[in-house]
Amino acid sequence: VVAEMQSQIDAIIANIDLPDEPLTYYHELTPDYY
């Protein structure tokens, strides 16, 4: 399971171009902005 997770995650990361300047995100837990 660990090996499969590592392999899939490595493939995901390899298939995107990581920007020099990190992209920003807002992860909403609740509608009142936690």
PDB file of all heavy atoms in Angstrom:
ATOM      1  N   VAL A   1       0.837  -1.204   0.000  1.00  0.00           N
ATOM      2  CA  VAL A   1       0.000   0.000   0.000  1.00  0.00           C
ATOM      3  C   VAL A   1       0.867   1.248   0.000  1.00  0.00           C
ATOM      4  O   VAL A   1       0.632   2.191  -0.766  1.00  0.00           O
ATOM      5  CB  VAL A   1      -0.943   0.011   1.222  1.00  0.00           C
ATOM      6  CG1 VAL A   1      -1.621   1.374   1.375  1.00  0.00           C
ATOM      7  CG2 VAL A   1      -1.999  -1.076   1.080  1.00  0.00           C
ATOM      8  N   VAL A   2       1.890   1.259   0.860  1.00  0.00           N
ATOM      9  CA  VAL A   2       2.786   2.413   0.927  1.00  0.00           C
ATOM     10  C   VAL A   2       3.498   2.617  -0.406  1.00  0.00           C
ATOM     11  O   VAL A   2       3.590   3.744  -0.914  1.00  0.00           O
ATOM     12  CB  VAL A   2       3.802   2.251   2.069  1.00  0.00           C
ATOM     13  CG1 VAL A   2       4.887   3.328   1.990  1.00  0.00           C
ATOM     14  CG2 VAL A   2       3.094   2.315   3.423  1.00  0.00           C
ATOM     15  N   ALA A   3       3.991   1.533  -0.984  1.00  0.00           N
ATOM     16  CA  ALA A   3       4.710   1.637  -2.254  1.00  0.00           C
ATOM     17  C   ALA A   3       3.800   2.177  -3.354  1.00  0.00           C
ATOM     18  O   ALA A   3       4.211   3.003  -4.175  1.00  0.00           O
ATOM     19  CB  ALA A   3       5.272   0.275  -2.659  1.00  0.00           C
ATOM     20  N   GLU A   4       2.543   1.724  -3.381  1.00  0.00           N
ATOM     21  CA  GLU A   4       1.601   2.192  -4.393  1.00  0.00           C
ATOM     22  C   GLU A   4       1.265   3.666  -4.187  1.00  0.00           C
ATOM     23  O   GLU A   4       1.182   4.433  -5.154  1.00  0.00           O
ATOM     24  CB  GLU A   4       0.324   1.354  -4.337  1.00  0.00           C
ATOM     25  CG  GLU A   4      -0.738   1.742  -5.353  1.00  0.00           C
ATOM     26  CD  GLU A   4      -0.309   1.511  -6.793  1.00  0.00           C
ATOM     27  OE1 GLU A   4       0.684   0.784  -7.023  1.00  0.00           O
ATOM     28  OE2 GLU A   4      -0.975   2.061  -7.697  1.00  0.00           O
ATOM     29  N   MET A   5       1.080   4.068  -2.938  1.00  0.00           N
ATOM     30  CA  MET A   5       0.822   5.483  -2.654  1.00  0.00           C
ATOM     31  C   MET A   5       1.991   6.346  -3.104  1.00  0.00           C
ATOM     32  O   MET A   5       1.815   7.382  -3.746  1.00  0.00           O
ATOM     33  CB  MET A   5       0.570   5.682  -1.162  1.00  0.00           C
ATOM     34  CG  MET A   5      -0.751   5.139  -0.658  1.00  0.00           C
ATOM     35  SD  MET A   5      -0.944   5.348   1.143  1.00  0.00           S
ATOM     36  CE  MET A   5      -1.036   7.157   1.269  1.00  0.00           C
ATOM     37  N   GLN A   6       3.207   5.910  -2.753  1.00  0.00           N
ATOM     38  CA  GLN A   6       4.398   6.673  -3.134  1.00  0.00           C
ATOM     39  C   GLN A   6       4.515   6.773  -4.644  1.00  0.00           C
ATOM     40  O   GLN A   6       4.819   7.849  -5.186  1.00  0.00           O
ATOM     41  CB  GLN A   6       5.643   6.006  -2.546  1.00  0.00           C
ATOM     42  CG  GLN A   6       5.744   6.116  -1.032  1.00  0.00           C
ATOM     43  CD  GLN A   6       6.910   5.326  -0.471  1.00  0.00           C
ATOM     44  OE1 GLN A   6       7.243   4.248  -0.975  1.00  0.00           O
ATOM     45  NE2 GLN A   6       7.522   5.848   0.578  1.00  0.00           N
ATOM     46  N   SER A   7       4.259   5.685  -5.339  1.00  0.00           N
ATOM     47  CA  SER A   7       4.365   5.678  -6.796  1.00  0.00           C
ATOM     48  C   SER A   7       3.346   6.618  -7.425  1.00  0.00           C
ATOM     49  O   SER A   7       3.674   7.402  -8.338  1.00  0.00           O
ATOM     50  CB  SER A   7       4.163   4.252  -7.311  1.00  0.00           C
ATOM     51  OG  SER A   7       4.129   4.223  -8.719  1.00  0.00           O
ATOM     52  N   GLN A   8       2.105   6.565  -6.944  1.00  0.00           N
ATOM     53  CA  GLN A   8       1.067   7.420  -7.505  1.00  0.00           C
ATOM     54  C   GLN A   8       1.318   8.892  -7.210  1.00  0.00           C
ATOM     55  O   GLN A   8       1.115   9.750  -8.072  1.00  0.00           O
ATOM     56  CB  GLN A   8      -0.296   6.996  -6.953  1.00  0.00           C
ATOM     57  CG  GLN A   8      -0.755   5.637  -7.448  1.00  0.00           C
ATOM     58  CD  GLN A   8      -2.144   5.275  -6.944  1.00  0.00           C
ATOM     59  OE1 GLN A   8      -2.846   6.092  -6.365  1.00  0.00           O
ATOM     60  NE2 GLN A   8      -2.547   4.032  -7.164  1.00  0.00           N
ATOM     61  N   ILE A   9       1.765   9.187  -6.006  1.00  0.00           N
ATOM     62  CA  ILE A   9       2.048  10.573  -5.649  1.00  0.00           C
ATOM     63  C   ILE A   9       3.219  11.110  -6.462  1.00  0.00           C
ATOM     64  O   ILE A   9       3.189  12.246  -6.943  1.00  0.00           O
ATOM     65  CB  ILE A   9       2.309  10.707  -4.139  1.00  0.00           C
ATOM     66  CG1 ILE A   9       0.989  10.495  -3.375  1.00  0.00           C
ATOM     67  CG2 ILE A   9       2.902  12.073  -3.798  1.00  0.00           C
ATOM     68  CD1 ILE A   9       1.144  10.474  -1.872  1.00  0.00           C
ATOM     69  N   ASP A  10       4.251  10.293  -6.629  1.00  0.00           N
ATOM     70  CA  ASP A  10       5.397  10.708  -7.457  1.00  0.00           C
ATOM     71  C   ASP A  10       4.942  11.022  -8.880  1.00  0.00           C
ATOM     72  O   ASP A  10       5.396  11.999  -9.492  1.00  0.00           O
ATOM     73  CB  ASP A  10       6.460   9.615  -7.481  1.00  0.00           C
ATOM     74  CG  ASP A  10       7.227   9.505  -6.173  1.00  0.00           C
ATOM     75  OD1 ASP A  10       7.130  10.436  -5.342  1.00  0.00           O
ATOM     76  OD2 ASP A  10       7.919   8.486  -5.966  1.00  0.00           O
ATOM     77  N   ALA A  11       4.034  10.196  -9.416  1.00  0.00           N
ATOM     78  CA  ALA A  11       3.547  10.411 -10.776  1.00  0.00           C
ATOM     79  C   ALA A  11       2.720  11.693 -10.866  1.00  0.00           C
ATOM     80  O   ALA A  11       2.822  12.445 -11.846  1.00  0.00           O
ATOM     81  CB  ALA A  11       2.711   9.213 -11.218  1.00  0.00           C
ATOM     82  N   ILE A  12       1.919  11.959  -9.852  1.00  0.00           N
ATOM     83  CA  ILE A  12       1.114  13.181  -9.834  1.00  0.00           C
ATOM     84  C   ILE A  12       2.011  14.415  -9.846  1.00  0.00           C
ATOM     85  O   ILE A  12       1.797  15.357 -10.620  1.00  0.00           O
ATOM     86  CB  ILE A  12       0.193  13.190  -8.596  1.00  0.00           C
ATOM     87  CG1 ILE A  12      -0.891  12.123  -8.734  1.00  0.00           C
ATOM     88  CG2 ILE A  12      -0.439  14.574  -8.399  1.00  0.00           C
ATOM     89  CD1 ILE A  12      -1.689  11.893  -7.463  1.00  0.00           C
ATOM     90  N   ILE A  13       3.014  14.397  -8.987  1.00  0.00           N
ATOM     91  CA  ILE A  13       3.921  15.543  -8.890  1.00  0.00           C
ATOM     92  C   ILE A  13       4.722  15.723 -10.182  1.00  0.00           C
ATOM     93  O   ILE A  13       4.946  16.845 -10.647  1.00  0.00           O
ATOM     94  CB  ILE A  13       4.861  15.376  -7.689  1.00  0.00           C
ATOM     95  CG1 ILE A  13       4.051  15.393  -6.390  1.00  0.00           C
ATOM     96  CG2 ILE A  13       5.928  16.466  -7.662  1.00  0.00           C
ATOM     97  CD1 ILE A  13       4.862  15.075  -5.159  1.00  0.00           C
ATOM     98  N   ALA A  14       5.118  14.605 -10.771  1.00  0.00           N
ATOM     99  CA  ALA A  14       5.921  14.677 -11.996  1.00  0.00           C
ATOM    100  C   ALA A  14       5.127  15.222 -13.178  1.00  0.00           C
ATOM    101  O   ALA A  14       5.715  15.750 -14.130  1.00  0.00           O
ATOM    102  CB  ALA A  14       6.467  13.286 -12.333  1.00  0.00           C
ATOM    103  N   ASN A  15       3.812  15.126 -13.115  1.00  0.00           N
ATOM    104  CA  ASN A  15       2.972  15.542 -14.244  1.00  0.00           C
ATOM    105  C   ASN A  15       2.423  16.946 -14.115  1.00  0.00           C
ATOM    106  O   ASN A  15       1.520  17.334 -14.875  1.00  0.00           O
ATOM    107  CB  ASN A  15       1.813  14.551 -14.409  1.00  0.00           C
ATOM    108  CG  ASN A  15       2.266  13.237 -15.022  1.00  0.00           C
ATOM    109  OD1 ASN A  15       3.155  13.215 -15.868  1.00  0.00           O
ATOM    110  ND2 ASN A  15       1.676  12.146 -14.578  1.00  0.00           N
ATOM    111  N   ILE A  16       2.949  17.705 -13.173  1.00  0.00           N
ATOM    112  CA  ILE A  16       2.564  19.116 -13.089  1.00  0.00           C
ATOM    113  C   ILE A  16       3.829  19.964 -13.057  1.00  0.00           C
ATOM    114  O   ILE A  16       4.881  19.523 -12.595  1.00  0.00           O
ATOM    115  CB  ILE A  16       1.698  19.415 -11.844  1.00  0.00           C
ATOM    116  CG1 ILE A  16       2.447  19.052 -10.554  1.00  0.00           C
ATOM    117  CG2 ILE A  16       0.369  18.703 -11.909  1.00  0.00           C
ATOM    118  CD1 ILE A  16       1.686  19.431  -9.301  1.00  0.00           C
ATOM    119  N   ASP A  17       3.700  21.172 -13.566  1.00  0.00           N
ATOM    120  CA  ASP A  17       4.815  22.111 -13.534  1.00  0.00           C
ATOM    121  C   ASP A  17       4.697  22.965 -12.273  1.00  0.00           C
ATOM    122  O   ASP A  17       3.807  23.814 -12.172  1.00  0.00           O
ATOM    123  CB  ASP A  17       4.808  23.010 -14.777  1.00  0.00           C
ATOM    124  CG  ASP A  17       5.091  22.231 -16.048  1.00  0.00           C
ATOM    125  OD1 ASP A  17       5.872  21.270 -15.976  1.00  0.00           O
ATOM    126  OD2 ASP A  17       4.524  22.580 -17.096  1.00  0.00           O
ATOM    127  N   LEU A  18       5.572  22.694 -11.317  1.00  0.00           N
ATOM    128  CA  LEU A  18       5.530  23.467 -10.086  1.00  0.00           C
ATOM    129  C   LEU A  18       6.028  24.883 -10.353  1.00  0.00           C
ATOM    130  O   LEU A  18       7.119  25.071 -10.905  1.00  0.00           O
ATOM    131  CB  LEU A  18       6.407  22.808  -9.014  1.00  0.00           C
ATOM    132  CG  LEU A  18       5.975  21.401  -8.577  1.00  0.00           C
ATOM    133  CD1 LEU A  18       6.920  20.868  -7.506  1.00  0.00           C
ATOM    134  CD2 LEU A  18       4.557  21.408  -8.054  1.00  0.00           C
ATOM    135  N   PRO A  19       5.259  25.890 -10.018  1.00  0.00           N
ATOM    136  CA  PRO A  19       5.665  27.271 -10.288  1.00  0.00           C
ATOM    137  C   PRO A  19       6.808  27.709  -9.389  1.00  0.00           C
ATOM    138  O   PRO A  19       6.982  27.189  -8.279  1.00  0.00           O
ATOM    139  CB  PRO A  19       4.392  28.067  -9.983  1.00  0.00           C
ATOM    140  CG  PRO A  19       3.680  27.242  -8.961  1.00  0.00           C
ATOM    141  CD  PRO A  19       3.952  25.812  -9.341  1.00  0.00           C
ATOM    142  N   ASP A  20       7.617  28.637  -9.874  1.00  0.00           N
ATOM    143  CA  ASP A  20       8.696  29.183  -9.052  1.00  0.00           C
ATOM    144  C   ASP A  20       8.118  29.883  -7.823  1.00  0.00           C
ATOM    145  O   ASP A  20       8.667  29.792  -6.727  1.00  0.00           O
ATOM    146  CB  ASP A  20       9.545  30.164  -9.872  1.00  0.00           C
ATOM    147  CG  ASP A  20      10.270  29.469 -11.008  1.00  0.00           C
ATOM    148  OD1 ASP A  20      10.556  28.266 -10.872  1.00  0.00           O
ATOM    149  OD2 ASP A  20      10.532  30.128 -12.030  1.00  0.00           O
ATOM    150  N   GLU A  21       7.031  30.592  -8.024  1.00  0.00           N
ATOM    151  CA  GLU A  21       6.330  31.264  -6.933  1.00  0.00           C
ATOM    152  C   GLU A  21       5.138  30.395  -6.547  1.00  0.00           C
ATOM    153  O   GLU A  21       4.260  30.140  -7.372  1.00  0.00           O
ATOM    154  CB  GLU A  21       5.830  32.637  -7.390  1.00  0.00           C
ATOM    155  CG  GLU A  21       5.282  33.499  -6.274  1.00  0.00           C
ATOM    156  CD  GLU A  21       6.372  34.147  -5.441  1.00  0.00           C
ATOM    157  OE1 GLU A  21       7.512  34.251  -5.940  1.00  0.00           O
ATOM    158  OE2 GLU A  21       6.078  34.550  -4.319  1.00  0.00           O
ATOM    159  N   PRO A  22       5.081  29.875  -5.301  1.00  0.00           N
ATOM    160  CA  PRO A  22       3.996  28.966  -4.924  1.00  0.00           C
ATOM    161  C   PRO A  22       2.610  29.557  -5.173  1.00  0.00           C
ATOM    162  O   PRO A  22       2.367  30.742  -4.922  1.00  0.00           O
ATOM    163  CB  PRO A  22       4.230  28.749  -3.423  1.00  0.00           C
ATOM    164  CG  PRO A  22       5.680  29.037  -3.218  1.00  0.00           C
ATOM    165  CD  PRO A  22       6.017  30.131  -4.197  1.00  0.00           C
ATOM    166  N   LEU A  23       1.727  28.748  -5.696  1.00  0.00           N
ATOM    167  CA  LEU A  23       0.343  29.153  -5.821  1.00  0.00           C
ATOM    168  C   LEU A  23      -0.289  29.193  -4.430  1.00  0.00           C
ATOM    169  O   LEU A  23       0.100  28.428  -3.542  1.00  0.00           O
ATOM    170  CB  LEU A  23      -0.424  28.167  -6.702  1.00  0.00           C
ATOM    171  CG  LEU A  23       0.018  28.059  -8.171  1.00  0.00           C
ATOM    172  CD1 LEU A  23      -0.711  26.908  -8.848  1.00  0.00           C
ATOM    173  CD2 LEU A  23      -0.252  29.361  -8.902  1.00  0.00           C
ATOM    174  N   THR A  24      -1.259  30.054  -4.254  1.00  0.00           N
ATOM    175  CA  THR A  24      -1.906  30.162  -2.956  1.00  0.00           C
ATOM    176  C   THR A  24      -3.290  29.515  -3.002  1.00  0.00           C
ATOM    177  O   THR A  24      -3.921  29.439  -4.055  1.00  0.00           O
ATOM    178  CB  THR A  24      -2.052  31.631  -2.522  1.00  0.00           C
ATOM    179  OG1 THR A  24      -2.807  32.338  -3.510  1.00  0.00           O
ATOM    180  CG2 THR A  24      -0.686  32.281  -2.354  1.00  0.00           C
ATOM    181  N   TYR A  25      -3.738  29.045  -1.833  1.00  0.00           N
ATOM    182  CA  TYR A  25      -5.049  28.411  -1.763  1.00  0.00           C
ATOM    183  C   TYR A  25      -5.787  28.824  -0.505  1.00  0.00           C
ATOM    184  O   TYR A  25      -5.194  29.255   0.490  1.00  0.00           O
ATOM    185  CB  TYR A  25      -4.911  26.884  -1.800  1.00  0.00           C
ATOM    186  CG  TYR A  25      -4.315  26.286  -0.535  1.00  0.00           C
ATOM    187  CD1 TYR A  25      -5.110  25.926   0.556  1.00  0.00           C
ATOM    188  CD2 TYR A  25      -2.943  26.078  -0.427  1.00  0.00           C
ATOM    189  CE1 TYR A  25      -4.558  25.381   1.707  1.00  0.00           C
ATOM    190  CE2 TYR A  25      -2.390  25.541   0.708  1.00  0.00           C
ATOM    191  CZ  TYR A  25      -3.200  25.188   1.776  1.00  0.00           C
ATOM    192  OH  TYR A  25      -2.647  24.659   2.921  1.00  0.00           O
ATOM    193  N   TYR A  26      -7.101  28.682  -0.586  1.00  0.00           N
ATOM    194  CA  TYR A  26      -7.979  28.826   0.567  1.00  0.00           C
ATOM    195  C   TYR A  26      -8.764  27.535   0.684  1.00  0.00           C
ATOM    196  O   TYR A  26      -9.534  27.174  -0.203  1.00  0.00           O
ATOM    197  CB  TYR A  26      -8.910  30.026   0.398  1.00  0.00           C
ATOM    198  CG  TYR A  26     -10.108  30.024   1.337  1.00  0.00           C
ATOM    199  CD1 TYR A  26      -9.934  30.074   2.718  1.00  0.00           C
ATOM    200  CD2 TYR A  26     -11.406  29.961   0.832  1.00  0.00           C
ATOM    201  CE1 TYR A  26     -11.031  30.053   3.575  1.00  0.00           C
ATOM    202  CE2 TYR A  26     -12.504  29.954   1.681  1.00  0.00           C
ATOM    203  CZ  TYR A  26     -12.316  29.997   3.048  1.00  0.00           C
ATOM    204  OH  TYR A  26     -13.397  29.983   3.902  1.00  0.00           O
ATOM    205  N   HIS A  27      -8.562  26.799   1.767  1.00  0.00           N
ATOM    206  CA  HIS A  27      -9.242  25.530   2.019  1.00  0.00           C
ATOM    207  C   HIS A  27     -10.347  25.805   3.033  1.00  0.00           C
ATOM    208  O   HIS A  27     -10.073  26.102   4.194  1.00  0.00           O
ATOM    209  CB  HIS A  27      -8.236  24.499   2.567  1.00  0.00           C
ATOM    210  CG  HIS A  27      -8.833  23.178   2.934  1.00  0.00           C
ATOM    211  ND1 HIS A  27      -8.622  22.042   2.193  1.00  0.00           N
ATOM    212  CD2 HIS A  27      -9.620  22.791   3.976  1.00  0.00           C
ATOM    213  CE1 HIS A  27      -9.244  21.020   2.752  1.00  0.00           C
ATOM    214  NE2 HIS A  27      -9.860  21.453   3.845  1.00  0.00           N
ATOM    215  N   GLU A  28     -11.585  25.696   2.604  1.00  0.00           N
ATOM    216  CA  GLU A  28     -12.707  26.058   3.465  1.00  0.00           C
ATOM    217  C   GLU A  28     -13.252  24.843   4.216  1.00  0.00           C
ATOM    218  O   GLU A  28     -13.747  23.891   3.623  1.00  0.00           O
ATOM    219  CB  GLU A  28     -13.820  26.699   2.628  1.00  0.00           C
ATOM    220  CG  GLU A  28     -14.999  27.201   3.459  1.00  0.00           C
ATOM    221  CD  GLU A  28     -15.933  28.069   2.655  1.00  0.00           C
ATOM    222  OE1 GLU A  28     -15.545  29.236   2.363  1.00  0.00           O
ATOM    223  OE2 GLU A  28     -17.032  27.593   2.288  1.00  0.00           O
ATOM    224  N   LEU A  29     -13.156  24.913   5.550  1.00  0.00           N
ATOM    225  CA  LEU A  29     -13.685  23.844   6.392  1.00  0.00           C
ATOM    226  C   LEU A  29     -15.168  24.038   6.691  1.00  0.00           C
ATOM    227  O   LEU A  29     -15.922  23.069   6.786  1.00  0.00           O
ATOM    228  CB  LEU A  29     -12.917  23.782   7.712  1.00  0.00           C
ATOM    229  CG  LEU A  29     -11.459  23.322   7.644  1.00  0.00           C
ATOM    230  CD1 LEU A  29     -10.801  23.483   9.005  1.00  0.00           C
ATOM    231  CD2 LEU A  29     -11.369  21.877   7.175  1.00  0.00           C
ATOM    232  N   THR A  30     -15.566  25.277   6.887  1.00  0.00           N
ATOM    233  CA  THR A  30     -16.952  25.608   7.215  1.00  0.00           C
ATOM    234  C   THR A  30     -17.353  26.889   6.495  1.00  0.00           C
ATOM    235  O   THR A  30     -16.483  27.686   6.128  1.00  0.00           O
ATOM    236  CB  THR A  30     -17.124  25.827   8.737  1.00  0.00           C
ATOM    237  OG1 THR A  30     -16.285  26.912   9.152  1.00  0.00           O
ATOM    238  CG2 THR A  30     -16.754  24.574   9.516  1.00  0.00           C
ATOM    239  N   PRO A  31     -18.641  27.124   6.303  1.00  0.00           N
ATOM    240  CA  PRO A  31     -19.075  28.329   5.590  1.00  0.00           C
ATOM    241  C   PRO A  31     -18.759  29.628   6.310  1.00  0.00           C
ATOM    242  O   PRO A  31     -18.881  30.705   5.714  1.00  0.00           O
ATOM    243  CB  PRO A  31     -20.602  28.138   5.473  1.00  0.00           C
ATOM    244  CG  PRO A  31     -20.819  26.681   5.629  1.00  0.00           C
ATOM    245  CD  PRO A  31     -19.774  26.220   6.592  1.00  0.00           C
ATOM    246  N   ASP A  32     -18.363  29.530   7.597  1.00  0.00           N
ATOM    247  CA  ASP A  32     -17.975  30.750   8.304  1.00  0.00           C
ATOM    248  C   ASP A  32     -16.455  30.923   8.299  1.00  0.00           C
ATOM    249  O   ASP A  32     -15.885  31.534   9.195  1.00  0.00           O
ATOM    250  CB  ASP A  32     -18.547  30.802   9.718  1.00  0.00           C
ATOM    251  CG  ASP A  32     -18.323  29.528  10.499  1.00  0.00           C
ATOM    252  OD1 ASP A  32     -17.810  28.560   9.913  1.00  0.00           O
ATOM    253  OD2 ASP A  32     -18.665  29.487  11.698  1.00  0.00           O
ATOM    254  N   TYR A  33     -15.825  30.352   7.272  1.00  0.00           N
ATOM    255  CA  TYR A  33     -14.450  30.681   6.883  1.00  0.00           C
ATOM    256  C   TYR A  33     -13.358  30.124   7.793  1.00  0.00           C
ATOM    257  O   TYR A  33     -12.264  30.681   7.859  1.00  0.00           O
ATOM    258  CB  TYR A  33     -14.284  32.207   6.726  1.00  0.00           C
ATOM    259  CG  TYR A  33     -15.381  32.839   5.933  1.00  0.00           C
ATOM    260  CD1 TYR A  33     -16.185  33.836   6.470  1.00  0.00           C
ATOM    261  CD2 TYR A  33     -15.657  32.407   4.627  1.00  0.00           C
ATOM    262  CE1 TYR A  33     -17.225  34.398   5.740  1.00  0.00           C
ATOM    263  CE2 TYR A  33     -16.686  32.957   3.893  1.00  0.00           C
ATOM    264  CZ  TYR A  33     -17.476  33.960   4.446  1.00  0.00           C
ATOM    265  OH  TYR A  33     -18.496  34.498   3.718  1.00  0.00           O
ATOM    266  N   TYR A  34     -13.630  29.018   8.498  1.00  0.00           N
ATOM    267  CA  TYR A  34     -12.520  28.311   9.141  1.00  0.00           C
ATOM    268  C   TYR A  34     -11.715  27.623   8.051  1.00  0.00           C
ATOM    269  O   TYR A  34     -12.269  27.104   7.075  1.00  0.00           O
ATOM    270  CB  TYR A  34     -13.035  27.294  10.159  1.00  0.00           C
ATOM    271  CG  TYR A  34     -13.396  27.910  11.484  1.00  0.00           C
ATOM    272  CD1 TYR A  34     -14.724  28.125  11.841  1.00  0.00           C
ATOM    273  CD2 TYR A  34     -12.395  28.290  12.385  1.00  0.00           C
ATOM    274  CE1 TYR A  34     -15.056  28.708  13.044  1.00  0.00           C
ATOM    275  CE2 TYR A  34     -12.723  28.873  13.602  1.00  0.00           C
ATOM    276  CZ  TYR A  34     -14.052  29.079  13.920  1.00  0.00           C
ATOM    277  OH  TYR A  34     -14.370  29.651  15.126  1.00  0.00           O
TER     278      TYR A  34
END
